[in-house]
Amino acid sequence: MADKTTVGFIGLGVMGEPMCRNIALQSGADVIAFDIREEPLTRLARDGVTAASTMAELANRSDLMMLSLPVGDELEAVCFGDDGIAHHARPGTTVVDFSTSPVELTREIAKRLSASDIAFADAPVARTRLAAIDGTLSVMVGATSEVYERIRPTIDCVADEITHCGPVGSGQIVKLMNNMVLFQTVSALAEALTIAHAAGLNGKVLFETLSKGSADSFALRNHGMRALLPGEFPSEAFSVDYALKDLSYALSLASESGIEADGALLARSRLEAAREAGLGAAYFPALIKTIERPPPNESK
């Protein structure tokens, strides 16, 4: 009987913790995890996840490693720091990056790891924390066909939509464009809601009616209905700071391609204003605070 696969998971934040849990519960693999915080490791232990004492230990024990990290600098450190993957993973290991990372960095990491016979795939995720909990994320994969087929059964544990977008870096291109469009859409919804309020219209009437017509969208039904309309911007959701990070990657890609992304620049200016107003840790639809007037009293 063949030994069980060991999956290592690094980064147990808002998305990473529920993703790691779903892999532990559904994959049939032994799952080990590492994070600088004890709390998610303690919670995941109840689902059979073993805590690694160091990243080096996790890298050495894993056949397949999953990463969910906040910024590109951390991704590079996890891969090439003294305690990192390049120095401690076994040849033949596969690394999957669920993070949203710069395209150029992604391609460079894949090239450097391949020199140690370590395969790399970028597999950024879309949708909300609730989708991460439910295992219904959308995942955009950049990898060779061989690597894609090898990692797909594990990704199936966290997603109900998986797209092989092309070679390494392709998943990040799609994810950055997805988020760029999302941020612009939320900015447009915030603008529309502010105008409607100023003109005396009930915001609930506006959004419910938009949802029945050509302006309907995932952004409207989720970020609009659940955040913009009630004015709720919790700190445990995808923040203004994270949105600015992703948008900076998208704008860098646009600049490298010689494209003037004016809509994205407007969204960035509103996100930057929200951060300057002390809302950096708030859920990113808080950008409405940069343009809104106080709404009138609205009946429920």
Protein backbone atom coordinates (compact mmCIF):
# COMPACT_ATOMS: atom_id res chain seq x y z
CA MET A 1 0.00 0.00 0.00
CA ALA A 2 1.39 3.40 -0.98
CA ASP A 3 2.15 5.95 1.71
CA LYS A 4 -0.39 8.74 2.13
CA THR A 5 0.41 12.06 0.51
CA THR A 6 1.44 14.79 2.90
CA VAL A 7 0.09 18.27 2.15
CA GLY A 8 1.75 21.24 3.83
CA PHE A 9 -0.14 24.53 4.18
CA ILE A 10 1.59 27.85 4.99
CA GLY A 11 -0.51 30.92 5.81
CA LEU A 12 -3.69 30.50 7.85
CA GLY A 13 -5.33 33.88 7.49
CA VAL A 14 -8.85 34.88 6.50
CA MET A 15 -8.85 32.56 3.48
CA GLY A 16 -6.04 30.16 4.29
CA GLU A 17 -7.49 28.70 7.49
CA PRO A 18 -10.80 27.50 5.99
CA MET A 19 -9.02 26.28 2.86
CA CYS A 20 -6.60 24.24 4.94
CA ARG A 21 -9.51 22.82 6.93
CA ASN A 22 -11.34 21.71 3.78
CA ILE A 23 -8.22 20.01 2.43
CA ALA A 24 -7.77 18.19 5.75
CA LEU A 25 -11.39 17.04 5.82
CA GLN A 26 -11.75 16.06 2.16
CA SER A 27 -8.43 15.16 0.57
CA GLY A 28 -7.54 11.99 2.45
CA ALA A 29 -4.00 13.34 2.82
CA ASP A 30 -2.04 13.99 5.99
CA VAL A 31 -2.10 17.77 6.40
CA ILE A 32 0.50 19.79 8.28
CA ALA A 33 0.41 23.56 8.64
CA PHE A 34 2.55 26.50 9.66
CA ASP A 35 1.62 30.02 10.70
CA ILE A 36 3.23 32.60 12.98
CA ARG A 37 0.00 32.66 15.04
CA GLU A 38 -1.04 29.85 17.37
CA GLU A 39 -4.80 30.46 17.25
CA PRO A 40 -5.57 29.04 13.77
CA LEU A 41 -3.26 26.08 14.39
CA THR A 42 -5.17 25.30 17.58
CA ARG A 43 -8.50 25.45 15.78
CA LEU A 44 -7.28 23.32 12.88
CA ALA A 45 -5.92 20.66 15.25
CA ARG A 46 -9.54 19.71 15.94
CA ASP A 47 -9.84 18.80 12.24
CA GLY A 48 -6.75 16.63 12.19
CA VAL A 49 -4.20 19.20 11.02
CA THR A 50 -0.73 18.81 12.57
CA ALA A 51 1.22 21.98 13.40
CA ALA A 52 4.78 22.17 12.06
CA SER A 53 7.24 23.84 14.40
CA THR A 54 9.06 25.55 11.51
CA MET A 55 8.64 26.15 7.80
CA ALA A 56 11.74 24.06 7.24
CA GLU A 57 10.09 21.08 8.93
CA LEU A 58 6.93 21.54 6.87
CA ALA A 59 8.89 21.83 3.61
CA ASN A 60 10.92 18.72 4.34
CA ARG A 61 7.87 16.60 5.18
CA SER A 62 5.52 17.72 2.38
CA ASP A 63 4.87 16.17 -1.00
CA LEU A 64 2.63 19.08 -1.97
CA MET A 65 2.75 22.56 -0.43
CA MET A 66 -0.02 25.15 -0.50
CA LEU A 67 0.70 28.82 0.24
CA SER A 68 -1.81 31.54 1.17
CA LEU A 69 0.17 34.70 1.92
CA PRO A 70 -0.73 38.39 2.04
CA VAL A 71 1.99 40.01 -0.12
CA GLY A 72 4.62 39.14 -2.70
CA ASP A 73 7.51 39.91 -0.33
CA GLU A 74 6.28 37.23 2.06
CA LEU A 75 5.91 34.76 -0.80
CA GLU A 76 9.52 35.35 -1.81
CA ALA A 77 10.72 34.96 1.78
CA VAL A 78 8.78 31.70 2.25
CA CYS A 79 10.30 30.32 -0.94
CA PHE A 80 13.90 31.51 -0.56
CA GLY A 81 14.52 32.52 3.05
CA ASP A 82 16.89 30.49 5.22
CA ASP A 83 13.93 28.53 6.62
CA GLY A 84 12.18 28.38 3.26
CA ILE A 85 11.12 25.96 0.58
CA ALA A 86 14.11 26.15 -1.77
CA HIS A 87 16.50 25.07 0.99
CA HIS A 88 14.40 22.38 2.66
CA ALA A 89 11.88 20.84 0.23
CA ARG A 90 12.66 17.47 -1.33
CA PRO A 91 13.23 17.21 -5.10
CA GLY A 92 9.96 16.35 -6.82
CA THR A 93 7.86 18.48 -4.46
CA THR A 94 5.10 20.66 -5.93
CA VAL A 95 4.29 24.14 -4.60
CA VAL A 96 0.91 25.82 -5.21
CA ASP A 97 0.55 29.54 -4.50
CA PHE A 98 -3.04 30.48 -3.64
CA SER A 99 -1.92 34.06 -2.96
CA THR A 100 -2.41 37.02 -5.25
CA SER A 101 1.13 37.85 -6.34
CA PRO A 102 2.92 39.94 -9.00
CA VAL A 103 3.15 38.16 -12.35
CA GLU A 104 6.86 38.82 -12.84
CA LEU A 105 7.67 37.55 -9.33
CA THR A 106 5.55 34.44 -9.91
CA ARG A 107 7.45 33.55 -13.06
CA GLU A 108 10.80 34.21 -11.42
CA ILE A 109 9.94 32.00 -8.42
CA ALA A 110 8.89 29.15 -10.71
CA LYS A 111 12.16 29.44 -12.63
CA ARG A 112 14.31 29.47 -9.49
CA LEU A 113 12.49 26.56 -7.83
CA SER A 114 12.69 24.46 -10.98
CA ALA A 115 16.49 24.51 -10.61
CA SER A 116 15.95 22.44 -7.42
CA ASP A 117 13.46 20.10 -9.16
CA ILE A 118 10.53 21.77 -7.37
CA ALA A 119 7.44 22.38 -9.50
CA PHE A 120 5.43 25.58 -9.02
CA ALA A 121 1.88 26.63 -9.90
CA ASP A 122 0.10 29.92 -9.29
CA ALA A 123 -3.50 29.32 -8.26
CA PRO A 124 -4.99 32.56 -6.89
CA VAL A 125 -8.51 32.35 -5.54
CA ALA A 126 -11.60 34.49 -6.07
CA ARG A 127 -14.83 34.97 -4.11
CA THR A 128 -15.41 35.58 -0.43
CA ARG A 129 -14.40 34.15 2.94
CA LEU A 130 -17.80 32.43 3.05
CA ALA A 131 -16.89 30.67 -0.21
CA ALA A 132 -13.59 29.64 1.35
CA ILE A 133 -15.49 28.14 4.29
CA ASP A 134 -17.96 26.38 1.99
CA GLY A 135 -15.29 25.14 -0.41
CA THR A 136 -16.82 27.04 -3.33
CA LEU A 137 -13.97 29.30 -4.39
CA SER A 138 -13.04 30.00 -7.99
CA VAL A 139 -9.40 29.15 -8.64
CA MET A 140 -7.35 30.34 -11.62
CA VAL A 141 -4.33 28.12 -12.27
CA GLY A 142 -1.11 28.89 -14.09
CA ALA A 143 0.90 25.68 -14.60
CA THR A 144 2.01 23.08 -17.08
CA SER A 145 -0.67 20.56 -17.98
CA GLU A 146 1.18 17.86 -16.06
CA VAL A 147 1.35 19.91 -12.86
CA TYR A 148 -2.26 21.04 -13.26
CA GLU A 149 -3.52 17.46 -13.40
CA ARG A 150 -1.42 16.57 -10.36
CA ILE A 151 -2.73 19.38 -8.16
CA ARG A 152 -6.34 19.50 -9.31
CA PRO A 153 -7.69 16.82 -6.92
CA THR A 154 -6.43 18.82 -3.94
CA ILE A 155 -7.72 22.12 -5.31
CA ASP A 156 -11.11 20.44 -5.76
CA CYS A 157 -11.35 20.41 -1.95
CA VAL A 158 -11.51 24.22 -1.83
CA ALA A 159 -13.22 25.18 -5.09
CA ASP A 160 -16.21 24.45 -7.27
CA GLU A 161 -14.76 26.34 -10.25
CA ILE A 162 -11.19 25.64 -11.42
CA THR A 163 -9.76 27.10 -14.62
CA HIS A 164 -6.43 26.18 -16.16
CA CYS A 165 -5.52 29.58 -17.59
CA GLY A 166 -2.20 28.63 -19.18
CA PRO A 167 1.46 28.44 -18.13
CA VAL A 168 2.88 29.80 -14.88
CA GLY A 169 1.82 33.42 -14.35
CA SER A 170 -1.45 33.07 -16.26
CA GLY A 171 -3.51 32.49 -13.13
CA GLN A 172 -2.15 35.70 -11.62
CA ILE A 173 -2.94 37.70 -14.77
CA VAL A 174 -6.56 36.54 -14.66
CA LYS A 175 -6.85 37.14 -10.90
CA LEU A 176 -5.40 40.65 -11.10
CA MET A 177 -7.79 41.55 -13.91
CA ASN A 178 -10.68 40.01 -11.93
CA ASN A 179 -9.86 42.15 -8.91
CA MET A 180 -9.24 45.25 -10.98
CA VAL A 181 -12.72 44.93 -12.51
CA LEU A 182 -14.22 44.17 -9.08
CA PHE A 183 -12.71 47.25 -7.44
CA GLN A 184 -13.89 49.46 -10.30
CA THR A 185 -17.37 47.94 -10.10
CA VAL A 186 -17.62 48.49 -6.35
CA SER A 187 -16.40 52.06 -6.87
CA ALA A 188 -19.15 52.57 -9.47
CA LEU A 189 -21.77 51.07 -7.13
CA ALA A 190 -20.63 53.35 -4.32
CA GLU A 191 -20.92 56.31 -6.67
CA ALA A 192 -24.41 55.28 -7.81
CA LEU A 193 -25.59 54.75 -4.23
CA THR A 194 -24.25 58.15 -3.18
CA ILE A 195 -25.98 59.89 -6.09
CA ALA A 196 -29.25 58.07 -5.39
CA HIS A 197 -29.14 59.05 -1.71
CA ALA A 198 -28.42 62.68 -2.60
CA ALA A 199 -31.37 62.65 -5.00
CA GLY A 200 -33.68 61.31 -2.30
CA LEU A 201 -34.01 57.68 -3.41
CA ASN A 202 -34.00 54.76 -0.99
CA GLY A 203 -30.76 52.82 -1.56
CA LYS A 204 -32.44 49.46 -1.06
CA VAL A 205 -34.86 50.27 -3.89
CA LEU A 206 -31.92 51.22 -6.12
CA PHE A 207 -29.87 48.07 -5.56
CA GLU A 208 -32.79 45.66 -5.63
CA THR A 209 -33.94 47.15 -8.93
CA LEU A 210 -30.44 47.10 -10.41
CA SER A 211 -30.23 43.41 -9.52
CA LYS A 212 -33.20 42.75 -11.82
CA GLY A 213 -31.65 44.44 -14.83
CA SER A 214 -28.49 44.73 -16.89
CA ALA A 215 -26.49 46.23 -14.00
CA ASP A 216 -26.79 43.02 -11.98
CA SER A 217 -23.47 41.50 -10.89
CA PHE A 218 -21.73 39.45 -8.24
CA ALA A 219 -20.30 42.72 -6.90
CA LEU A 220 -23.79 44.21 -6.57
CA ARG A 221 -25.29 41.19 -4.81
CA ASN A 222 -22.38 40.65 -2.46
CA HIS A 223 -20.33 43.81 -1.91
CA GLY A 224 -23.21 46.15 -2.71
CA MET A 225 -26.11 44.51 -0.88
CA ARG A 226 -24.09 43.21 2.06
CA ALA A 227 -21.65 46.07 2.65
CA LEU A 228 -22.39 49.30 0.79
CA LEU A 229 -26.11 49.31 1.52
CA PRO A 230 -25.97 48.63 5.29
CA GLY A 231 -22.71 50.56 5.64
CA GLU A 232 -20.95 47.60 7.26
CA PHE A 233 -17.20 47.32 6.66
CA PRO A 234 -15.78 44.75 9.12
CA SER A 235 -12.04 44.47 9.67
CA GLU A 236 -12.01 40.68 9.28
CA ALA A 237 -12.95 40.90 5.58
CA PHE A 238 -10.85 41.77 2.50
CA SER A 239 -9.44 45.14 3.49
CA VAL A 240 -8.71 48.46 1.83
CA ASP A 241 -4.99 47.75 2.33
CA TYR A 242 -5.23 44.37 0.59
CA ALA A 243 -7.28 45.87 -2.24
CA LEU A 244 -4.61 48.53 -2.76
CA LYS A 245 -1.94 45.83 -2.83
CA ASP A 246 -3.77 43.84 -5.53
CA LEU A 247 -4.58 46.96 -7.52
CA SER A 248 -0.92 48.03 -7.43
CA TYR A 249 0.01 44.68 -9.00
CA ALA A 250 -2.65 45.14 -11.69
CA LEU A 251 -1.50 48.68 -12.45
CA SER A 252 2.12 47.54 -12.66
CA LEU A 253 1.06 44.92 -15.20
CA ALA A 254 -0.86 47.58 -17.15
CA SER A 255 2.18 49.85 -17.15
CA GLU A 256 4.44 47.03 -18.35
CA SER A 257 1.93 46.48 -21.17
CA GLY A 258 1.80 50.17 -22.11
CA ILE A 259 -1.84 50.56 -21.08
CA GLU A 260 -3.33 53.63 -19.34
CA ALA A 261 -5.81 52.07 -16.91
CA ASP A 262 -7.78 55.22 -16.04
CA GLY A 263 -10.69 53.40 -14.36
CA ALA A 264 -8.33 51.47 -12.13
CA LEU A 265 -6.48 54.68 -11.25
CA LEU A 266 -9.76 56.24 -10.07
CA ALA A 267 -10.52 53.21 -7.92
CA ARG A 268 -7.02 53.42 -6.47
CA SER A 269 -7.43 57.09 -5.61
CA ARG A 270 -10.63 56.30 -3.68
CA LEU A 271 -9.01 53.39 -1.86
CA GLU A 272 -6.02 55.58 -1.00
CA ALA A 273 -8.34 58.25 0.36
CA ALA A 274 -10.07 55.61 2.49
CA ARG A 275 -6.73 54.49 3.89
CA GLU A 276 -5.75 58.08 4.63
CA ALA A 277 -9.05 58.42 6.51
CA GLY A 278 -8.01 55.57 8.82
CA LEU A 279 -9.96 52.83 7.03
CA GLY A 280 -7.03 50.73 5.83
CA ALA A 281 -8.11 47.68 7.86
CA ALA A 282 -11.79 48.01 6.92
CA TYR A 283 -13.57 45.94 4.27
CA PHE A 284 -12.68 47.61 0.98
CA PRO A 285 -16.22 48.84 0.00
CA ALA A 286 -15.50 51.41 2.73
CA LEU A 287 -14.17 53.46 -0.19
CA ILE A 288 -17.72 54.87 -0.32
CA LYS A 289 -16.72 56.99 2.67
CA THR A 290 -14.54 59.05 0.32
CA ILE A 291 -17.47 60.16 -1.83
CA GLU A 292 -20.69 59.81 0.15
CA ARG A 293 -22.96 62.30 1.82
CA PRO A 294 -24.86 61.17 4.92
CA PRO A 295 -27.91 59.21 3.64
CA PRO A 296 -31.40 60.32 4.62
CA ASN A 297 -33.34 58.27 7.15
CA GLU A 298 -34.68 55.29 5.24
CA SER A 299 -37.56 53.07 6.22
CA LYS A 300 -36.76 49.38 6.43
